[in-house]
Amino acid sequence: MAKNGAMAGDPLQPSLLGEAVAAGDAPGLEGLQRSCQDCRRCGLAAGRQQVVISRGDPAARLMVIGEGPGAQEDASGRPFVGRAGQLLDQMLASVGLDSERDAYVCNVVKCRPPDNRKPTAQEMAACAPWLAVQIAAVDPAIVLLTGATALEGVLGIKGGISRLRGQWHPWQGRWVMPVFHPSYLLRNPSREQGSPKWLTWQDLKEVQRRLELDQPPPPTL
């Protein structure tokens, strides 16, 4: 059992990540940067400036997973540093969470897809071992999946972000919640009740409440 009470076999989907943990070399966070720099599992490595691993605190109980690096992330080597990242930081701060102190922030893929396109299923599968290392090493109590790509890359669910956002899913002994990606909220800036931004704020308040409760999902048979 992991530090957050992780149990195997939660019946959400047979994740690529669980298989990757068992099959991979599991370098740990300290070796992850070098392993990703050496990685040539897919074609994204050919066009990157640098790999983008994470920011925040590896000891945090909240992990935020996004899609992949954009141009600013590719240049800086840090995820979520552009306009979407700034909005993410602001929204987390609105519920009393600091993205550098209270969260560990990463992406499904570690290299920028050309023209900021969505990563392909093959690219996400190629990067799955590295994300699996991060999840296993950080062992977060709560995982926040920002957007449809993170939902697909972690839980294997294609589409359905509007239907599934704001809902808790027990997964590998931890709670997972999908939310709208901050870039989507930038395109839909209204804060009126019922708007995507308002809904995301409600979701983040629920995340903060769950963190305070500090209760893992019940074991599954």
C-alpha atoms as a PDB file:
ATOM      1  CA  MET A   1       0.000   0.000   0.000  1.00  0.00           C
ATOM      2  CA  ALA A   2       1.350   3.392  -0.976  1.00  0.00           C
ATOM      3  CA  LYS A   3       1.512   6.382   1.309  1.00  0.00           C
ATOM      4  CA  ASN A   4      -1.939   7.538   0.231  1.00  0.00           C
ATOM      5  CA  GLY A   5      -3.474   4.086   0.596  1.00  0.00           C
ATOM      6  CA  ALA A   6      -3.128   3.063  -3.042  1.00  0.00           C
ATOM      7  CA  MET A   7      -4.838  -0.150  -4.029  1.00  0.00           C
ATOM      8  CA  ALA A   8      -4.565  -1.892  -7.373  1.00  0.00           C
ATOM      9  CA  GLY A   9      -7.443  -2.817  -9.599  1.00  0.00           C
ATOM     10  CA  ASP A  10      -9.833   0.134  -9.459  1.00  0.00           C
ATOM     11  CA  PRO A  11     -12.336  -0.691 -12.222  1.00  0.00           C
ATOM     12  CA  LEU A  12     -12.102   2.437 -14.350  1.00  0.00           C
ATOM     13  CA  GLN A  13      -9.933   1.235 -17.202  1.00  0.00           C
ATOM     14  CA  PRO A  14      -6.838  -0.923 -17.813  1.00  0.00           C
ATOM     15  CA  SER A  15      -4.470   2.041 -17.927  1.00  0.00           C
ATOM     16  CA  LEU A  16      -1.345   2.119 -20.058  1.00  0.00           C
ATOM     17  CA  LEU A  17       0.332   3.676 -17.049  1.00  0.00           C
ATOM     18  CA  GLY A  18       0.020   0.645 -14.809  1.00  0.00           C
ATOM     19  CA  GLU A  19       1.549  -1.535 -17.521  1.00  0.00           C
ATOM     20  CA  ALA A  20       4.316   1.001 -18.054  1.00  0.00           C
ATOM     21  CA  VAL A  21       5.300   0.967 -14.390  1.00  0.00           C
ATOM     22  CA  ALA A  22       5.687  -2.798 -14.452  1.00  0.00           C
ATOM     23  CA  ALA A  23       7.501  -2.899 -17.765  1.00  0.00           C
ATOM     24  CA  GLY A  24       9.702   0.196 -17.531  1.00  0.00           C
ATOM     25  CA  ASP A  25      13.032   0.793 -15.853  1.00  0.00           C
ATOM     26  CA  ALA A  26      11.473   3.212 -13.314  1.00  0.00           C
ATOM     27  CA  PRO A  27      14.383   5.669 -13.025  1.00  0.00           C
ATOM     28  CA  GLY A  28      12.669   7.735 -10.310  1.00  0.00           C
ATOM     29  CA  LEU A  29      12.267  11.502 -10.400  1.00  0.00           C
ATOM     30  CA  GLU A  30      15.976  12.100  -9.934  1.00  0.00           C
ATOM     31  CA  GLY A  31      16.772  10.233 -13.154  1.00  0.00           C
ATOM     32  CA  LEU A  32      13.702  11.255 -15.111  1.00  0.00           C
ATOM     33  CA  GLN A  33      15.195  14.351 -16.749  1.00  0.00           C
ATOM     34  CA  ARG A  34      18.095  12.399 -18.222  1.00  0.00           C
ATOM     35  CA  SER A  35      15.868   9.493 -19.252  1.00  0.00           C
ATOM     36  CA  CYS A  36      13.497  11.837 -21.082  1.00  0.00           C
ATOM     37  CA  GLN A  37      16.369  13.705 -22.731  1.00  0.00           C
ATOM     38  CA  ASP A  38      17.649  10.395 -24.081  1.00  0.00           C
ATOM     39  CA  CYS A  39      14.176   9.225 -25.112  1.00  0.00           C
ATOM     40  CA  ARG A  40      13.498   8.607 -28.805  1.00  0.00           C
ATOM     41  CA  ARG A  41      10.313   6.554 -28.382  1.00  0.00           C
ATOM     42  CA  CYS A  42       8.408   8.832 -30.797  1.00  0.00           C
ATOM     43  CA  GLY A  43       9.055  11.526 -33.366  1.00  0.00           C
ATOM     44  CA  LEU A  44       8.396  14.470 -31.029  1.00  0.00           C
ATOM     45  CA  ALA A  45      11.986  14.384 -29.791  1.00  0.00           C
ATOM     46  CA  ALA A  46      13.225  15.521 -33.200  1.00  0.00           C
ATOM     47  CA  GLY A  47      11.478  18.885 -33.019  1.00  0.00           C
ATOM     48  CA  ARG A  48      11.792  19.835 -29.373  1.00  0.00           C
ATOM     49  CA  GLN A  49      14.054  22.452 -27.832  1.00  0.00           C
ATOM     50  CA  GLN A  50      14.086  20.584 -24.528  1.00  0.00           C
ATOM     51  CA  VAL A  51      12.014  18.114 -22.574  1.00  0.00           C
ATOM     52  CA  VAL A  52       9.428  19.564 -20.194  1.00  0.00           C
ATOM     53  CA  ILE A  53       9.166  17.466 -17.049  1.00  0.00           C
ATOM     54  CA  SER A  54       7.457  19.282 -14.191  1.00  0.00           C
ATOM     55  CA  ARG A  55       7.229  22.177 -11.804  1.00  0.00           C
ATOM     56  CA  GLY A  56       5.943  22.401  -8.256  1.00  0.00           C
ATOM     57  CA  ASP A  57       6.547  20.214  -5.228  1.00  0.00           C
ATOM     58  CA  PRO A  58       7.108  16.434  -5.648  1.00  0.00           C
ATOM     59  CA  ALA A  59       5.845  16.023  -2.082  1.00  0.00           C
ATOM     60  CA  ALA A  60       2.500  17.683  -2.882  1.00  0.00           C
ATOM     61  CA  ARG A  61      -0.723  15.745  -2.438  1.00  0.00           C
ATOM     62  CA  LEU A  62      -2.185  17.265  -5.617  1.00  0.00           C
ATOM     63  CA  MET A  63      -0.904  16.433  -9.111  1.00  0.00           C
ATOM     64  CA  VAL A  64      -2.064  18.490 -12.092  1.00  0.00           C
ATOM     65  CA  ILE A  65      -1.691  16.813 -15.496  1.00  0.00           C
ATOM     66  CA  GLY A  66      -2.082  18.677 -18.765  1.00  0.00           C
ATOM     67  CA  GLU A  67      -1.730  17.826 -22.427  1.00  0.00           C
ATOM     68  CA  GLY A  68       1.796  18.775 -23.526  1.00  0.00           C
ATOM     69  CA  PRO A  69       4.238  21.658 -23.819  1.00  0.00           C
ATOM     70  CA  GLY A  70       3.533  24.711 -25.945  1.00  0.00           C
ATOM     71  CA  ALA A  71       6.075  27.127 -27.380  1.00  0.00           C
ATOM     72  CA  GLN A  72       6.780  28.912 -24.084  1.00  0.00           C
ATOM     73  CA  GLU A  73       7.033  25.633 -22.206  1.00  0.00           C
ATOM     74  CA  ASP A  74       9.371  24.218 -24.851  1.00  0.00           C
ATOM     75  CA  ALA A  75      11.596  27.277 -24.480  1.00  0.00           C
ATOM     76  CA  SER A  76      11.588  27.394 -20.667  1.00  0.00           C
ATOM     77  CA  GLY A  77      11.562  23.669 -19.864  1.00  0.00           C
ATOM     78  CA  ARG A  78       8.655  24.157 -17.428  1.00  0.00           C
ATOM     79  CA  PRO A  79       4.996  23.153 -17.938  1.00  0.00           C
ATOM     80  CA  PHE A  80       2.082  25.571 -17.804  1.00  0.00           C
ATOM     81  CA  VAL A  81       4.037  28.838 -17.956  1.00  0.00           C
ATOM     82  CA  GLY A  82       2.114  30.552 -20.768  1.00  0.00           C
ATOM     83  CA  ARG A  83      -1.262  32.272 -20.570  1.00  0.00           C
ATOM     84  CA  ALA A  84      -3.050  29.013 -19.784  1.00  0.00           C
ATOM     85  CA  GLY A  85      -0.576  28.309 -16.995  1.00  0.00           C
ATOM     86  CA  GLN A  86      -1.012  31.765 -15.563  1.00  0.00           C
ATOM     87  CA  LEU A  87      -4.775  31.232 -15.486  1.00  0.00           C
ATOM     88  CA  LEU A  88      -4.270  27.836 -13.842  1.00  0.00           C
ATOM     89  CA  ASP A  89      -2.143  29.467 -11.143  1.00  0.00           C
ATOM     90  CA  GLN A  90      -4.748  32.181 -10.571  1.00  0.00           C
ATOM     91  CA  MET A  91      -7.605  29.706 -10.296  1.00  0.00           C
ATOM     92  CA  LEU A  92      -5.708  27.462  -7.906  1.00  0.00           C
ATOM     93  CA  ALA A  93      -4.822  30.521  -5.831  1.00  0.00           C
ATOM     94  CA  SER A  94      -8.509  31.477  -5.707  1.00  0.00           C
ATOM     95  CA  VAL A  95      -9.151  28.337  -3.632  1.00  0.00           C
ATOM     96  CA  GLY A  96      -6.054  28.743  -1.507  1.00  0.00           C
ATOM     97  CA  LEU A  97      -3.652  26.507  -3.474  1.00  0.00           C
ATOM     98  CA  ASP A  98      -0.190  27.568  -4.620  1.00  0.00           C
ATOM     99  CA  SER A  99       0.896  25.788  -7.816  1.00  0.00           C
ATOM    100  CA  GLU A 100       4.545  25.717  -6.734  1.00  0.00           C
ATOM    101  CA  ARG A 101       3.993  24.697  -3.117  1.00  0.00           C
ATOM    102  CA  ASP A 102       0.735  22.716  -3.090  1.00  0.00           C
ATOM    103  CA  ALA A 103       0.863  20.932  -6.452  1.00  0.00           C
ATOM    104  CA  TYR A 104       3.102  18.946  -8.764  1.00  0.00           C
ATOM    105  CA  VAL A 105       2.406  20.019 -12.355  1.00  0.00           C
ATOM    106  CA  CYS A 106       3.251  17.939 -15.434  1.00  0.00           C
ATOM    107  CA  ASN A 107       1.936  16.837 -18.830  1.00  0.00           C
ATOM    108  CA  VAL A 108       0.937  13.640 -20.605  1.00  0.00           C
ATOM    109  CA  VAL A 109       3.761  14.141 -23.134  1.00  0.00           C
ATOM    110  CA  LYS A 110       7.098  15.754 -22.346  1.00  0.00           C
ATOM    111  CA  CYS A 111       7.943  17.155 -25.793  1.00  0.00           C
ATOM    112  CA  ARG A 112       6.084  19.812 -27.753  1.00  0.00           C
ATOM    113  CA  PRO A 113       3.933  18.529 -30.618  1.00  0.00           C
ATOM    114  CA  PRO A 114       4.426  20.551 -33.838  1.00  0.00           C
ATOM    115  CA  ASP A 115       2.212  23.641 -34.082  1.00  0.00           C
ATOM    116  CA  ASN A 116       0.776  22.837 -30.639  1.00  0.00           C
ATOM    117  CA  ARG A 117      -1.380  20.086 -32.083  1.00  0.00           C
ATOM    118  CA  LYS A 118      -2.902  17.399 -29.888  1.00  0.00           C
ATOM    119  CA  PRO A 119      -0.536  14.481 -29.202  1.00  0.00           C
ATOM    120  CA  THR A 120      -1.423  11.316 -31.065  1.00  0.00           C
ATOM    121  CA  ALA A 121      -2.394   8.126 -29.253  1.00  0.00           C
ATOM    122  CA  GLN A 122       0.973   6.650 -30.247  1.00  0.00           C
ATOM    123  CA  GLU A 123       2.843   9.642 -28.803  1.00  0.00           C
ATOM    124  CA  MET A 124       0.895   9.449 -25.559  1.00  0.00           C
ATOM    125  CA  ALA A 125       1.590   5.721 -25.318  1.00  0.00           C
ATOM    126  CA  ALA A 126       5.298   6.316 -25.969  1.00  0.00           C
ATOM    127  CA  CYS A 127       5.440   8.846 -23.139  1.00  0.00           C
ATOM    128  CA  ALA A 128       3.301   6.803 -20.737  1.00  0.00           C
ATOM    129  CA  PRO A 129       6.267   5.225 -18.911  1.00  0.00           C
ATOM    130  CA  TRP A 130       7.581   8.648 -17.917  1.00  0.00           C
ATOM    131  CA  LEU A 131       4.200   9.832 -16.642  1.00  0.00           C
ATOM    132  CA  ALA A 132       3.845   6.542 -14.783  1.00  0.00           C
ATOM    133  CA  VAL A 133       7.169   7.185 -13.047  1.00  0.00           C
ATOM    134  CA  GLN A 134       5.941  10.607 -11.971  1.00  0.00           C
ATOM    135  CA  ILE A 135       2.641   9.300 -10.601  1.00  0.00           C
ATOM    136  CA  ALA A 136       4.345   6.458  -8.747  1.00  0.00           C
ATOM    137  CA  ALA A 137       7.064   8.684  -7.267  1.00  0.00           C
ATOM    138  CA  VAL A 138       4.846  11.626  -6.263  1.00  0.00           C
ATOM    139  CA  ASP A 139       2.019   9.300  -5.186  1.00  0.00           C
ATOM    140  CA  PRO A 140      -0.567  12.088  -5.070  1.00  0.00           C
ATOM    141  CA  ALA A 141      -3.814  11.781  -3.149  1.00  0.00           C
ATOM    142  CA  ILE A 142      -5.626  13.698  -5.915  1.00  0.00           C
ATOM    143  CA  VAL A 143      -4.954  13.955  -9.651  1.00  0.00           C
ATOM    144  CA  LEU A 144      -6.471  16.844 -11.591  1.00  0.00           C
ATOM    145  CA  LEU A 145      -6.784  16.075 -15.310  1.00  0.00           C
ATOM    146  CA  THR A 146      -6.960  19.299 -17.297  1.00  0.00           C
ATOM    147  CA  GLY A 147      -8.713  18.752 -20.587  1.00  0.00           C
ATOM    148  CA  ALA A 148      -9.707  15.907 -22.867  1.00  0.00           C
ATOM    149  CA  THR A 149      -6.152  14.860 -23.766  1.00  0.00           C
ATOM    150  CA  ALA A 150      -5.159  14.317 -20.149  1.00  0.00           C
ATOM    151  CA  LEU A 151      -8.408  12.407 -19.620  1.00  0.00           C
ATOM    152  CA  GLU A 152      -7.556  10.140 -22.545  1.00  0.00           C
ATOM    153  CA  GLY A 153      -3.873   9.817 -21.686  1.00  0.00           C
ATOM    154  CA  VAL A 154      -4.435   8.799 -18.064  1.00  0.00           C
ATOM    155  CA  LEU A 155      -7.835   7.115 -17.908  1.00  0.00           C
ATOM    156  CA  GLY A 156      -8.127   6.001 -21.522  1.00  0.00           C
ATOM    157  CA  ILE A 157     -11.435   7.830 -22.001  1.00  0.00           C
ATOM    158  CA  LYS A 158     -11.835   9.558 -25.371  1.00  0.00           C
ATOM    159  CA  GLY A 159     -14.026  12.635 -25.356  1.00  0.00           C
ATOM    160  CA  GLY A 160     -16.585  13.322 -22.687  1.00  0.00           C
ATOM    161  CA  ILE A 161     -14.777  16.107 -20.839  1.00  0.00           C
ATOM    162  CA  SER A 162     -17.956  18.190 -20.661  1.00  0.00           C
ATOM    163  CA  ARG A 163     -19.854  15.209 -19.251  1.00  0.00           C
ATOM    164  CA  LEU A 164     -17.156  13.983 -16.866  1.00  0.00           C
ATOM    165  CA  ARG A 165     -15.700  17.253 -15.590  1.00  0.00           C
ATOM    166  CA  GLY A 166     -16.241  17.865 -11.921  1.00  0.00           C
ATOM    167  CA  GLN A 167     -16.831  14.171 -11.158  1.00  0.00           C
ATOM    168  CA  TRP A 168     -14.635  12.130  -8.839  1.00  0.00           C
ATOM    169  CA  HIS A 169     -13.210   8.841 -10.085  1.00  0.00           C
ATOM    170  CA  PRO A 170     -11.342   6.400  -7.813  1.00  0.00           C
ATOM    171  CA  TRP A 171      -8.229   5.241  -9.634  1.00  0.00           C
ATOM    172  CA  GLN A 172      -5.294   3.261  -8.276  1.00  0.00           C
ATOM    173  CA  GLY A 173      -6.115   4.234  -4.713  1.00  0.00           C
ATOM    174  CA  ARG A 174      -6.405   7.953  -5.395  1.00  0.00           C
ATOM    175  CA  TRP A 175      -9.075  10.404  -6.460  1.00  0.00           C
ATOM    176  CA  VAL A 176      -9.081  11.729 -10.028  1.00  0.00           C
ATOM    177  CA  MET A 177     -11.111  14.678 -11.290  1.00  0.00           C
ATOM    178  CA  PRO A 178     -11.249  15.870 -14.920  1.00  0.00           C
ATOM    179  CA  VAL A 179     -11.683  19.613 -15.452  1.00  0.00           C
ATOM    180  CA  PHE A 180     -11.694  21.943 -18.436  1.00  0.00           C
ATOM    181  CA  HIS A 181      -8.252  22.882 -19.736  1.00  0.00           C
ATOM    182  CA  PRO A 182      -7.244  26.481 -18.932  1.00  0.00           C
ATOM    183  CA  SER A 183      -6.751  27.204 -22.647  1.00  0.00           C
ATOM    184  CA  TYR A 184     -10.439  26.410 -23.185  1.00  0.00           C
ATOM    185  CA  LEU A 185     -11.312  28.821 -20.381  1.00  0.00           C
ATOM    186  CA  LEU A 186      -9.251  31.541 -22.056  1.00  0.00           C
ATOM    187  CA  ARG A 187     -11.489  31.147 -25.101  1.00  0.00           C
ATOM    188  CA  ASN A 188     -14.579  31.240 -22.874  1.00  0.00           C
ATOM    189  CA  PRO A 189     -13.792  34.012 -20.388  1.00  0.00           C
ATOM    190  CA  SER A 190     -17.293  34.576 -18.974  1.00  0.00           C
ATOM    191  CA  ARG A 191     -17.566  34.135 -15.206  1.00  0.00           C
ATOM    192  CA  GLU A 192     -21.353  33.981 -15.167  1.00  0.00           C
ATOM    193  CA  GLN A 193     -22.946  31.151 -13.238  1.00  0.00           C
ATOM    194  CA  GLY A 194     -22.986  28.013 -15.365  1.00  0.00           C
ATOM    195  CA  SER A 195     -20.129  29.155 -17.635  1.00  0.00           C
ATOM    196  CA  PRO A 196     -17.084  26.883 -18.107  1.00  0.00           C
ATOM    197  CA  LYS A 197     -14.930  29.159 -15.944  1.00  0.00           C
ATOM    198  CA  TRP A 198     -17.527  29.281 -13.174  1.00  0.00           C
ATOM    199  CA  LEU A 199     -17.911  25.493 -13.307  1.00  0.00           C
ATOM    200  CA  THR A 200     -14.143  25.027 -13.079  1.00  0.00           C
ATOM    201  CA  TRP A 201     -14.021  27.278 -10.038  1.00  0.00           C
ATOM    202  CA  GLN A 202     -16.642  25.057  -8.398  1.00  0.00           C
ATOM    203  CA  ASP A 203     -14.566  22.002  -9.326  1.00  0.00           C
ATOM    204  CA  LEU A 204     -11.436  23.474  -7.759  1.00  0.00           C
ATOM    205  CA  LYS A 205     -13.302  24.311  -4.573  1.00  0.00           C
ATOM    206  CA  GLU A 206     -14.301  20.644  -4.420  1.00  0.00           C
ATOM    207  CA  VAL A 207     -10.657  19.653  -4.914  1.00  0.00           C
ATOM    208  CA  GLN A 208      -9.646  21.836  -1.993  1.00  0.00           C
ATOM    209  CA  ARG A 209     -12.396  20.302   0.128  1.00  0.00           C
ATOM    210  CA  ARG A 210     -11.245  16.787  -0.760  1.00  0.00           C
ATOM    211  CA  LEU A 211      -7.658  17.655   0.125  1.00  0.00           C
ATOM    212  CA  GLU A 212      -8.808  18.825   3.541  1.00  0.00           C
ATOM    213  CA  LEU A 213     -10.806  15.618   4.088  1.00  0.00           C
ATOM    214  CA  ASP A 214      -7.703  13.507   3.376  1.00  0.00           C
ATOM    215  CA  GLN A 215      -9.696  10.330   2.737  1.00  0.00           C
ATOM    216  CA  PRO A 216      -8.587   7.875   0.016  1.00  0.00           C
ATOM    217  CA  PRO A 217     -11.174   5.956  -1.992  1.00  0.00           C
ATOM    218  CA  PRO A 218     -12.493   2.787  -0.366  1.00  0.00           C
ATOM    219  CA  PRO A 219     -10.790  -0.474  -1.404  1.00  0.00           C
ATOM    220  CA  THR A 220     -12.266  -2.275  -4.373  1.00  0.00           C
ATOM    221  CA  LEU A 221     -12.835  -6.014  -4.556  1.00  0.00           C
END
